[in-house]
Amino acid sequence: PFDKGGSGGFVQLKVYDVLGNEVRILVNENKTSGNYKIEFSSNNLPSGIYFYSLIMNGNIIDTKRMILLK
């Protein structure tokens, strides 16, 4: 499912709270392979633990945990 050939695909980067509720969609578009920087605005989100998932072509590639401190 992961395109290691380098052409890219449809990419989503989503942030979830600890209950699994989607709180932000940071990327939701076709991307070519490469490195990207995405700004995450945490306005209106309380401090706490969140998860973010990188999804490519409908398949979850990776999910990581992050701690938001304000």
PDB file of N, CA and C in Angstrom:
ATOM      1  N   PRO A   1       0.797  -1.210   0.000  1.00  0.00           N
ATOM      2  CA  PRO A   1       0.000   0.000   0.000  1.00  0.00           C
ATOM      3  C   PRO A   1       0.840   1.276   0.000  1.00  0.00           C
ATOM      4  N   PHE A   2       2.014   1.264   0.599  1.00  0.00           N
ATOM      5  CA  PHE A   2       2.851   2.462   0.638  1.00  0.00           C
ATOM      6  C   PHE A   2       3.645   2.537  -0.647  1.00  0.00           C
ATOM      7  N   ASP A   3       3.595   3.682  -1.298  1.00  0.00           N
ATOM      8  CA  ASP A   3       4.243   3.847  -2.589  1.00  0.00           C
ATOM      9  C   ASP A   3       5.721   4.177  -2.395  1.00  0.00           C
ATOM     10  N   LYS A   4       6.561   3.162  -2.366  1.00  0.00           N
ATOM     11  CA  LYS A   4       7.989   3.397  -2.194  1.00  0.00           C
ATOM     12  C   LYS A   4       8.655   3.751  -3.510  1.00  0.00           C
ATOM     13  N   GLY A   5       7.904   3.669  -4.607  1.00  0.00           N
ATOM     14  CA  GLY A   5       8.453   3.982  -5.908  1.00  0.00           C
ATOM     15  C   GLY A   5       8.691   5.464  -6.120  1.00  0.00           C
ATOM     16  N   GLY A   6       8.041   6.312  -5.336  1.00  0.00           N
ATOM     17  CA  GLY A   6       8.346   7.720  -5.396  1.00  0.00           C
ATOM     18  C   GLY A   6       7.331   8.603  -6.079  1.00  0.00           C
ATOM     19  N   SER A   7       6.204   8.063  -6.556  1.00  0.00           N
ATOM     20  CA  SER A   7       5.261   8.917  -7.269  1.00  0.00           C
ATOM     21  C   SER A   7       4.272   9.620  -6.355  1.00  0.00           C
ATOM     22  N   GLY A   8       4.041   9.102  -5.148  1.00  0.00           N
ATOM     23  CA  GLY A   8       3.124   9.736  -4.205  1.00  0.00           C
ATOM     24  C   GLY A   8       1.740   9.142  -4.269  1.00  0.00           C
ATOM     25  N   GLY A   9       0.743   9.932  -3.832  1.00  0.00           N
ATOM     26  CA  GLY A   9      -0.634   9.472  -3.808  1.00  0.00           C
ATOM     27  C   GLY A   9      -1.483  10.382  -2.949  1.00  0.00           C
ATOM     28  N   PHE A  10      -2.702   9.936  -2.613  1.00  0.00           N
ATOM     29  CA  PHE A  10      -3.602  10.728  -1.781  1.00  0.00           C
ATOM     30  C   PHE A  10      -3.200  10.568  -0.324  1.00  0.00           C
ATOM     31  N   VAL A  11      -2.909  11.682   0.325  1.00  0.00           N
ATOM     32  CA  VAL A  11      -2.364  11.672   1.686  1.00  0.00           C
ATOM     33  C   VAL A  11      -3.300  12.417   2.626  1.00  0.00           C
ATOM     34  N   GLN A  12      -3.471  11.853   3.820  1.00  0.00           N
ATOM     35  CA  GLN A  12      -4.202  12.520   4.889  1.00  0.00           C
ATOM     36  C   GLN A  12      -3.338  12.474   6.143  1.00  0.00           C
ATOM     37  N   LEU A  13      -3.331  13.576   6.869  1.00  0.00           N
ATOM     38  CA  LEU A  13      -2.679  13.642   8.167  1.00  0.00           C
ATOM     39  C   LEU A  13      -3.726  14.160   9.134  1.00  0.00           C
ATOM     40  N   LYS A  14      -4.133  13.299  10.080  1.00  0.00           N
ATOM     41  CA  LYS A  14      -5.235  13.629  10.977  1.00  0.00           C
ATOM     42  C   LYS A  14      -4.774  13.569  12.423  1.00  0.00           C
ATOM     43  N   VAL A  15      -5.375  14.433  13.254  1.00  0.00           N
ATOM     44  CA  VAL A  15      -5.088  14.473  14.687  1.00  0.00           C
ATOM     45  C   VAL A  15      -6.341  14.042  15.437  1.00  0.00           C
ATOM     46  N   TYR A  16      -6.151  13.177  16.444  1.00  0.00           N
ATOM     47  CA  TYR A  16      -7.249  12.634  17.236  1.00  0.00           C
ATOM     48  C   TYR A  16      -7.002  12.893  18.713  1.00  0.00           C
ATOM     49  N   ASP A  17      -8.077  13.030  19.488  1.00  0.00           N
ATOM     50  CA  ASP A  17      -7.937  13.114  20.939  1.00  0.00           C
ATOM     51  C   ASP A  17      -7.856  11.696  21.510  1.00  0.00           C
ATOM     52  N   VAL A  18      -7.707  11.572  22.834  1.00  0.00           N
ATOM     53  CA  VAL A  18      -7.538  10.246  23.447  1.00  0.00           C
ATOM     54  C   VAL A  18      -8.783   9.380  23.340  1.00  0.00           C
ATOM     55  N   LEU A  19      -9.925   9.987  23.064  1.00  0.00           N
ATOM     56  CA  LEU A  19     -11.157   9.212  22.889  1.00  0.00           C
ATOM     57  C   LEU A  19     -11.354   8.745  21.451  1.00  0.00           C
ATOM     58  N   GLY A  20     -10.421   9.132  20.570  1.00  0.00           N
ATOM     59  CA  GLY A  20     -10.508   8.725  19.174  1.00  0.00           C
ATOM     60  C   GLY A  20     -11.295   9.679  18.303  1.00  0.00           C
ATOM     61  N   ASN A  21     -11.679  10.831  18.854  1.00  0.00           N
ATOM     62  CA  ASN A  21     -12.388  11.837  18.059  1.00  0.00           C
ATOM     63  C   ASN A  21     -11.408  12.612  17.195  1.00  0.00           C
ATOM     64  N   GLU A  22     -11.726  12.768  15.930  1.00  0.00           N
ATOM     65  CA  GLU A  22     -10.893  13.538  15.023  1.00  0.00           C
ATOM     66  C   GLU A  22     -11.004  15.021  15.394  1.00  0.00           C
ATOM     67  N   VAL A  23      -9.874  15.671  15.661  1.00  0.00           N
ATOM     68  CA  VAL A  23      -9.911  17.080  16.054  1.00  0.00           C
ATOM     69  C   VAL A  23      -9.334  18.008  14.991  1.00  0.00           C
ATOM     70  N   ARG A  24      -8.502  17.500  14.103  1.00  0.00           N
ATOM     71  CA  ARG A  24      -7.946  18.309  13.013  1.00  0.00           C
ATOM     72  C   ARG A  24      -7.618  17.420  11.823  1.00  0.00           C
ATOM     73  N   ILE A  25      -7.789  17.979  10.637  1.00  0.00           N
ATOM     74  CA  ILE A  25      -7.267  17.369   9.420  1.00  0.00           C
ATOM     75  C   ILE A  25      -6.209  18.344   8.906  1.00  0.00           C
ATOM     76  N   LEU A  26      -4.960  17.923   8.938  1.00  0.00           N
ATOM     77  CA  LEU A  26      -3.861  18.805   8.557  1.00  0.00           C
ATOM     78  C   LEU A  26      -3.529  18.717   7.077  1.00  0.00           C
ATOM     79  N   VAL A  27      -3.699  17.544   6.496  1.00  0.00           N
ATOM     80  CA  VAL A  27      -3.455  17.333   5.063  1.00  0.00           C
ATOM     81  C   VAL A  27      -4.565  16.446   4.549  1.00  0.00           C
ATOM     82  N   ASN A  28      -5.079  16.786   3.376  1.00  0.00           N
ATOM     83  CA  ASN A  28      -6.145  16.002   2.757  1.00  0.00           C
ATOM     84  C   ASN A  28      -6.087  16.227   1.248  1.00  0.00           C
ATOM     85  N   GLU A  29      -4.999  15.747   0.612  1.00  0.00           N
ATOM     86  CA  GLU A  29      -4.802  16.033  -0.813  1.00  0.00           C
ATOM     87  C   GLU A  29      -3.771  15.089  -1.416  1.00  0.00           C
ATOM     88  N   ASN A  30      -3.682  15.113  -2.721  1.00  0.00           N
ATOM     89  CA  ASN A  30      -2.649  14.361  -3.422  1.00  0.00           C
ATOM     90  C   ASN A  30      -1.309  15.038  -3.201  1.00  0.00           C
ATOM     91  N   LYS A  31      -0.300  14.238  -2.916  1.00  0.00           N
ATOM     92  CA  LYS A  31       1.059  14.734  -2.707  1.00  0.00           C
ATOM     93  C   LYS A  31       2.027  13.847  -3.470  1.00  0.00           C
ATOM     94  N   THR A  32       3.064  14.466  -4.014  1.00  0.00           N
ATOM     95  CA  THR A  32       4.142  13.683  -4.598  1.00  0.00           C
ATOM     96  C   THR A  32       5.066  13.250  -3.465  1.00  0.00           C
ATOM     97  N   SER A  33       5.844  12.231  -3.687  1.00  0.00           N
ATOM     98  CA  SER A  33       6.778  11.769  -2.663  1.00  0.00           C
ATOM     99  C   SER A  33       7.767  12.867  -2.324  1.00  0.00           C
ATOM    100  N   GLY A  34       8.129  12.943  -1.061  1.00  0.00           N
ATOM    101  CA  GLY A  34       9.089  13.946  -0.623  1.00  0.00           C
ATOM    102  C   GLY A  34       8.896  14.275   0.831  1.00  0.00           C
ATOM    103  N   ASN A  35       9.592  15.289   1.297  1.00  0.00           N
ATOM    104  CA  ASN A  35       9.501  15.753   2.673  1.00  0.00           C
ATOM    105  C   ASN A  35       8.666  17.019   2.719  1.00  0.00           C
ATOM    106  N   TYR A  36       7.810  17.123   3.725  1.00  0.00           N
ATOM    107  CA  TYR A  36       6.927  18.264   3.873  1.00  0.00           C
ATOM    108  C   TYR A  36       6.929  18.740   5.313  1.00  0.00           C
ATOM    109  N   LYS A  37       6.676  20.032   5.497  1.00  0.00           N
ATOM    110  CA  LYS A  37       6.471  20.599   6.829  1.00  0.00           C
ATOM    111  C   LYS A  37       5.044  21.100   6.892  1.00  0.00           C
ATOM    112  N   ILE A  38       4.360  20.749   7.976  1.00  0.00           N
ATOM    113  CA  ILE A  38       2.972  21.139   8.173  1.00  0.00           C
ATOM    114  C   ILE A  38       2.870  21.875   9.498  1.00  0.00           C
ATOM    115  N   GLU A  39       2.250  23.042   9.500  1.00  0.00           N
ATOM    116  CA  GLU A  39       2.023  23.767  10.747  1.00  0.00           C
ATOM    117  C   GLU A  39       0.745  23.261  11.399  1.00  0.00           C
ATOM    118  N   PHE A  40       0.831  23.053  12.705  1.00  0.00           N
ATOM    119  CA  PHE A  40      -0.304  22.557  13.466  1.00  0.00           C
ATOM    120  C   PHE A  40      -0.718  23.635  14.454  1.00  0.00           C
ATOM    121  N   SER A  41      -1.872  24.223  14.225  1.00  0.00           N
ATOM    122  CA  SER A  41      -2.397  25.236  15.131  1.00  0.00           C
ATOM    123  C   SER A  41      -3.201  24.544  16.221  1.00  0.00           C
ATOM    124  N   SER A  42      -2.758  24.709  17.451  1.00  0.00           N
ATOM    125  CA  SER A  42      -3.438  24.054  18.561  1.00  0.00           C
ATOM    126  C   SER A  42      -4.435  24.984  19.250  1.00  0.00           C
ATOM    127  N   ASN A  43      -4.778  26.079  18.585  1.00  0.00           N
ATOM    128  CA  ASN A  43      -5.789  26.985  19.146  1.00  0.00           C
ATOM    129  C   ASN A  43      -7.065  26.205  19.431  1.00  0.00           C
ATOM    130  N   ASN A  44      -7.692  26.516  20.530  1.00  0.00           N
ATOM    131  CA  ASN A  44      -8.950  25.904  20.947  1.00  0.00           C
ATOM    132  C   ASN A  44      -8.827  24.437  21.354  1.00  0.00           C
ATOM    133  N   LEU A  45      -7.599  23.925  21.487  1.00  0.00           N
ATOM    134  CA  LEU A  45      -7.405  22.561  21.993  1.00  0.00           C
ATOM    135  C   LEU A  45      -6.774  22.650  23.375  1.00  0.00           C
ATOM    136  N   PRO A  46      -7.282  21.899  24.336  1.00  0.00           N
ATOM    137  CA  PRO A  46      -6.667  21.904  25.669  1.00  0.00           C
ATOM    138  C   PRO A  46      -5.371  21.090  25.679  1.00  0.00           C
ATOM    139  N   SER A  47      -4.546  21.337  26.674  1.00  0.00           N
ATOM    140  CA  SER A  47      -3.351  20.517  26.864  1.00  0.00           C
ATOM    141  C   SER A  47      -3.779  19.071  27.063  1.00  0.00           C
ATOM    142  N   GLY A  48      -2.950  18.153  26.616  1.00  0.00           N
ATOM    143  CA  GLY A  48      -3.268  16.750  26.795  1.00  0.00           C
ATOM    144  C   GLY A  48      -2.545  15.876  25.800  1.00  0.00           C
ATOM    145  N   ILE A  49      -2.951  14.632  25.743  1.00  0.00           N
ATOM    146  CA  ILE A  49      -2.361  13.652  24.831  1.00  0.00           C
ATOM    147  C   ILE A  49      -3.230  13.552  23.588  1.00  0.00           C
ATOM    148  N   TYR A  50      -2.580  13.566  22.434  1.00  0.00           N
ATOM    149  CA  TYR A  50      -3.248  13.446  21.144  1.00  0.00           C
ATOM    150  C   TYR A  50      -2.499  12.426  20.304  1.00  0.00           C
ATOM    151  N   PHE A  51      -3.147  11.956  19.273  1.00  0.00           N
ATOM    152  CA  PHE A  51      -2.542  11.022  18.334  1.00  0.00           C
ATOM    153  C   PHE A  51      -2.658  11.599  16.936  1.00  0.00           C
ATOM    154  N   TYR A  52      -1.668  11.329  16.111  1.00  0.00           N
ATOM    155  CA  TYR A  52      -1.767  11.739  14.715  1.00  0.00           C
ATOM    156  C   TYR A  52      -1.480  10.531  13.826  1.00  0.00           C
ATOM    157  N   SER A  53      -2.251  10.444  12.742  1.00  0.00           N
ATOM    158  CA  SER A  53      -2.124   9.325  11.811  1.00  0.00           C
ATOM    159  C   SER A  53      -1.809   9.839  10.422  1.00  0.00           C
ATOM    160  N   LEU A  54      -0.857   9.206   9.789  1.00  0.00           N
ATOM    161  CA  LEU A  54      -0.529   9.460   8.392  1.00  0.00           C
ATOM    162  C   LEU A  54      -1.188   8.363   7.575  1.00  0.00           C
ATOM    163  N   ILE A  55      -2.041   8.760   6.654  1.00  0.00           N
ATOM    164  CA  ILE A  55      -2.817   7.817   5.849  1.00  0.00           C
ATOM    165  C   ILE A  55      -2.511   8.086   4.383  1.00  0.00           C
ATOM    166  N   MET A  56      -2.152   7.036   3.650  1.00  0.00           N
ATOM    167  CA  MET A  56      -1.871   7.195   2.223  1.00  0.00           C
ATOM    168  C   MET A  56      -2.706   6.210   1.437  1.00  0.00           C
ATOM    169  N   ASN A  57      -3.443   6.735   0.476  1.00  0.00           N
ATOM    170  CA  ASN A  57      -4.305   5.918  -0.380  1.00  0.00           C
ATOM    171  C   ASN A  57      -5.250   5.037   0.443  1.00  0.00           C
ATOM    172  N   GLY A  58      -5.736   5.585   1.578  1.00  0.00           N
ATOM    173  CA  GLY A  58      -6.711   4.889   2.401  1.00  0.00           C
ATOM    174  C   GLY A  58      -6.146   3.913   3.410  1.00  0.00           C
ATOM    175  N   ASN A  59      -4.831   3.726   3.432  1.00  0.00           N
ATOM    176  CA  ASN A  59      -4.191   2.791   4.354  1.00  0.00           C
ATOM    177  C   ASN A  59      -3.391   3.559   5.397  1.00  0.00           C
ATOM    178  N   ILE A  60      -3.578   3.224   6.673  1.00  0.00           N
ATOM    179  CA  ILE A  60      -2.818   3.886   7.733  1.00  0.00           C
ATOM    180  C   ILE A  60      -1.365   3.441   7.639  1.00  0.00           C
ATOM    181  N   ILE A  61      -0.499   4.428   7.496  1.00  0.00           N
ATOM    182  CA  ILE A  61       0.933   4.158   7.395  1.00  0.00           C
ATOM    183  C   ILE A  61       1.567   4.171   8.781  1.00  0.00           C
ATOM    184  N   ASP A  62       1.185   5.158   9.593  1.00  0.00           N
ATOM    185  CA  ASP A  62       1.789   5.281  10.915  1.00  0.00           C
ATOM    186  C   ASP A  62       0.892   6.118  11.816  1.00  0.00           C
ATOM    187  N   THR A  63       0.865   5.777  13.084  1.00  0.00           N
ATOM    188  CA  THR A  63       0.161   6.561  14.102  1.00  0.00           C
ATOM    189  C   THR A  63       1.129   6.783  15.244  1.00  0.00           C
ATOM    190  N   LYS A  64       1.223   8.035  15.686  1.00  0.00           N
ATOM    191  CA  LYS A  64       2.130   8.393  16.781  1.00  0.00           C
ATOM    192  C   LYS A  64       1.370   9.192  17.828  1.00  0.00           C
ATOM    193  N   ARG A  65       1.926   9.213  19.031  1.00  0.00           N
ATOM    194  CA  ARG A  65       1.344   9.958  20.141  1.00  0.00           C
ATOM    195  C   ARG A  65       2.113  11.266  20.308  1.00  0.00           C
ATOM    196  N   MET A  66       1.404  12.317  20.719  1.00  0.00           N
ATOM    197  CA  MET A  66       2.065  13.588  21.041  1.00  0.00           C
ATOM    198  C   MET A  66       1.427  14.187  22.277  1.00  0.00           C
ATOM    199  N   ILE A  67       2.203  14.978  22.984  1.00  0.00           N
ATOM    200  CA  ILE A  67       1.717  15.674  24.171  1.00  0.00           C
ATOM    201  C   ILE A  67       1.675  17.156  23.851  1.00  0.00           C
ATOM    202  N   LEU A  68       0.508  17.762  24.049  1.00  0.00           N
ATOM    203  CA  LEU A  68       0.330  19.194  23.823  1.00  0.00           C
ATOM    204  C   LEU A  68       0.364  19.893  25.161  1.00  0.00           C
ATOM    205  N   LEU A  69       1.340  20.778  25.346  1.00  0.00           N
ATOM    206  CA  LEU A  69       1.472  21.553  26.569  1.00  0.00           C
ATOM    207  C   LEU A  69       1.288  23.022  26.231  1.00  0.00           C
ATOM    208  N   LYS A  70       0.474  23.693  27.017  1.00  0.00           N
ATOM    209  CA  LYS A  70       0.259  25.126  26.797  1.00  0.00           C
ATOM    210  C   LYS A  70       0.704  25.908  27.999  1.00  0.00           C
TER     211      LYS A  70
END
